[in-house]
Amino acid sequence: MARGWESKDVESQVQDRNTVADNKGQGQKSAEQLRNEQEKRGLALSRTRILNSLESATNPNHRKSLEAALAHLDKKIAELN
């Protein structure tokens, strides 16, 4: 049976918490750093989804919209780095 998005989200939160616990000896990350990393991961996933959609898009207007969204995501990712 396929796992739903919610269980995957819970799993990623548990992994994030374990990563933070593992890093305690190396210096704990601040809440802001964790939010920043989570936002970067979310933007990277959105970027991947848009790239996949762009590969199969045939309507010129839809392609233009996807390209604009991709440019926006690239700008946001650059701002976070």
Protein backbone atom coordinates (compact mmCIF):
# COMPACT_ATOMS: atom_id res chain seq x y z
CA MET A 1 0.00 0.00 0.00
CA ALA A 2 1.34 3.44 -0.88
CA ARG A 3 2.20 5.81 1.91
CA GLY A 4 0.41 9.13 1.97
CA TRP A 5 1.97 12.58 1.99
CA GLU A 6 1.20 13.05 5.67
CA SER A 7 3.16 9.99 6.76
CA LYS A 8 6.09 11.08 4.60
CA ASP A 9 5.96 14.53 6.17
CA VAL A 10 5.98 13.02 9.65
CA GLU A 11 8.89 10.81 8.66
CA SER A 12 10.88 13.81 7.39
CA GLN A 13 10.16 15.69 10.62
CA VAL A 14 11.43 12.75 12.66
CA GLN A 15 14.55 12.58 10.50
CA ASP A 16 15.10 16.33 10.91
CA ARG A 17 14.75 15.99 14.67
CA ASN A 18 17.21 13.08 14.70
CA THR A 19 19.65 15.09 12.60
CA VAL A 20 19.42 17.97 15.04
CA ALA A 21 19.96 15.56 17.95
CA ASP A 22 22.99 14.09 16.18
CA ASN A 23 24.42 17.56 15.62
CA LYS A 24 24.19 18.61 19.29
CA GLY A 25 27.79 17.63 19.87
CA GLN A 26 28.81 19.64 16.81
CA GLY A 27 26.83 22.73 17.71
CA GLN A 28 23.07 22.90 17.48
CA LYS A 29 21.49 24.72 14.57
CA SER A 30 19.23 27.62 15.33
CA ALA A 31 15.52 27.53 14.56
CA GLU A 32 16.12 30.08 11.81
CA GLN A 33 18.76 27.89 10.17
CA LEU A 34 16.41 24.91 10.27
CA ARG A 35 13.57 26.92 8.74
CA ASN A 36 15.95 28.21 6.06
CA GLU A 37 17.06 24.67 5.18
CA GLN A 38 13.46 23.43 5.12
CA GLU A 39 12.44 26.29 2.83
CA LYS A 40 15.37 25.50 0.50
CA ARG A 41 14.29 21.85 0.32
CA GLY A 42 10.72 22.87 -0.45
CA LEU A 43 11.83 25.26 -3.18
CA ALA A 44 14.10 22.59 -4.68
CA LEU A 45 11.19 20.15 -4.79
CA SER A 46 8.95 22.75 -6.43
CA ARG A 47 11.69 23.50 -8.94
CA THR A 48 11.98 19.80 -9.82
CA ARG A 49 8.22 19.53 -10.28
CA ILE A 50 8.15 22.58 -12.55
CA LEU A 51 11.06 21.25 -14.62
CA ASN A 52 9.22 17.95 -15.08
CA SER A 53 6.06 19.79 -16.12
CA LEU A 54 8.05 21.99 -18.47
CA GLU A 55 9.43 18.93 -20.28
CA SER A 56 5.95 17.74 -21.17
CA ALA A 57 4.22 21.11 -21.71
CA THR A 58 3.15 21.77 -25.28
CA ASN A 59 0.96 24.88 -24.96
CA PRO A 60 3.14 28.00 -25.42
CA ASN A 61 1.21 29.97 -22.79
CA HIS A 62 1.57 27.18 -20.26
CA ARG A 63 5.31 26.91 -21.03
CA LYS A 64 5.69 30.67 -20.53
CA SER A 65 3.93 30.42 -17.17
CA LEU A 66 6.13 27.52 -16.08
CA GLU A 67 9.28 29.35 -17.18
CA ALA A 68 8.21 32.41 -15.15
CA ALA A 69 7.59 30.20 -12.11
CA LEU A 70 11.00 28.59 -12.58
CA ALA A 71 12.70 31.99 -12.76
CA HIS A 72 10.88 33.06 -9.59
CA LEU A 73 11.99 29.91 -7.74
CA ASP A 74 15.58 30.34 -8.91
CA LYS A 75 15.54 33.92 -7.59
CA LYS A 76 14.17 32.81 -4.20
CA ILE A 77 16.73 30.00 -3.96
CA ALA A 78 19.54 32.46 -4.75
CA GLU A 79 18.27 34.82 -2.06
CA LEU A 80 18.39 32.04 0.53
CA ASN A 81 21.97 31.13 -0.36
